[in-house]
Amino acid sequence: MRSFKRVAFFVAALLVALTIILFVIENPQPVSLAFAGWSAPQLPVSVLILLALLAGMVIGPSLAWLVKIRSRIE
């Protein structure tokens, strides 16, 4: 059973990696991003979306951790 979980995890990770690679290959168009007077250099669409995904993966758990700590203090 333990080896099945490892194989399933490996297959799932491989599918995610292949999906990301395919997404990057299919979206090479450069775009310019402007927000609140700030302008980013032209980057491929896929890079901007992957950066937003990574930022969400860091910010989401961080906020949940802060809420958990705050509820312990009160």
Protein backbone atom coordinates (compact mmCIF):
# COMPACT_ATOMS: atom_id res chain seq x y z
CA MET A 1 0.00 0.00 0.00
CA ARG A 2 2.85 2.35 0.80
CA SER A 3 4.44 1.90 -2.63
CA PHE A 4 1.08 2.57 -4.30
CA LYS A 5 0.87 5.93 -2.52
CA ARG A 6 4.37 6.79 -3.69
CA VAL A 7 3.56 5.85 -7.28
CA ALA A 8 0.27 7.77 -7.17
CA PHE A 9 2.05 10.83 -5.75
CA PHE A 10 4.76 10.59 -8.41
CA VAL A 11 2.19 10.29 -11.21
CA ALA A 12 0.20 13.25 -9.86
CA ALA A 13 3.36 15.38 -9.53
CA LEU A 14 4.40 14.41 -13.04
CA LEU A 15 0.99 15.40 -14.43
CA VAL A 16 1.15 18.77 -12.67
CA ALA A 17 4.68 19.38 -13.99
CA LEU A 18 3.68 18.43 -17.54
CA THR A 19 0.62 20.67 -17.34
CA ILE A 20 2.77 23.62 -16.23
CA ILE A 21 5.32 22.97 -18.98
CA LEU A 22 2.56 22.78 -21.60
CA PHE A 23 1.02 25.99 -20.26
CA VAL A 24 4.36 27.80 -20.48
CA ILE A 25 4.98 26.57 -24.02
CA GLU A 26 1.49 27.60 -25.20
CA ASN A 27 1.59 31.13 -23.70
CA PRO A 28 4.81 32.85 -24.82
CA GLN A 29 3.16 36.19 -25.76
CA PRO A 30 4.79 39.10 -23.95
CA VAL A 31 2.46 41.44 -22.07
CA SER A 32 2.97 44.58 -20.03
CA LEU A 33 1.35 44.83 -16.61
CA ALA A 34 0.47 48.18 -15.05
CA PHE A 35 -1.08 48.67 -11.61
CA ALA A 36 -1.51 51.84 -9.53
CA GLY A 37 1.10 53.76 -11.47
CA TRP A 38 3.61 50.93 -11.33
CA SER A 39 4.60 49.27 -14.61
CA ALA A 40 6.28 45.88 -14.89
CA PRO A 41 8.60 44.94 -17.76
CA GLN A 42 7.15 42.89 -20.58
CA LEU A 43 7.06 39.24 -19.58
CA PRO A 44 5.33 36.19 -21.08
CA VAL A 45 1.75 35.64 -19.91
CA SER A 46 2.69 32.28 -18.43
CA VAL A 47 5.39 33.81 -16.21
CA LEU A 48 2.99 36.39 -14.77
CA ILE A 49 0.32 33.78 -14.08
CA LEU A 50 2.81 31.39 -12.48
CA LEU A 51 4.14 34.22 -10.30
CA ALA A 52 0.58 35.02 -9.21
CA LEU A 53 0.02 31.33 -8.41
CA LEU A 54 3.20 31.13 -6.34
CA ALA A 55 2.32 34.35 -4.51
CA GLY A 56 -1.09 32.91 -3.64
CA MET A 57 0.50 29.68 -2.45
CA VAL A 58 2.66 31.69 -0.04
CA ILE A 59 0.15 34.34 1.06
CA GLY A 60 -2.82 32.01 1.64
CA PRO A 61 -1.18 29.67 4.17
CA SER A 62 0.59 32.63 5.80
CA LEU A 63 -2.72 34.36 6.46
CA ALA A 64 -4.24 31.12 7.78
CA TRP A 65 -1.26 30.72 10.11
CA LEU A 66 -1.63 34.31 11.36
CA VAL A 67 -5.34 33.81 12.03
CA LYS A 68 -4.61 30.61 13.92
CA ILE A 69 -1.98 32.32 16.08
CA ARG A 70 -4.27 35.29 16.71
CA SER A 71 -7.10 33.02 17.83
CA ARG A 72 -4.76 31.33 20.32
CA ILE A 73 -3.75 34.66 21.83
CA GLU A 74 -7.34 35.80 22.44
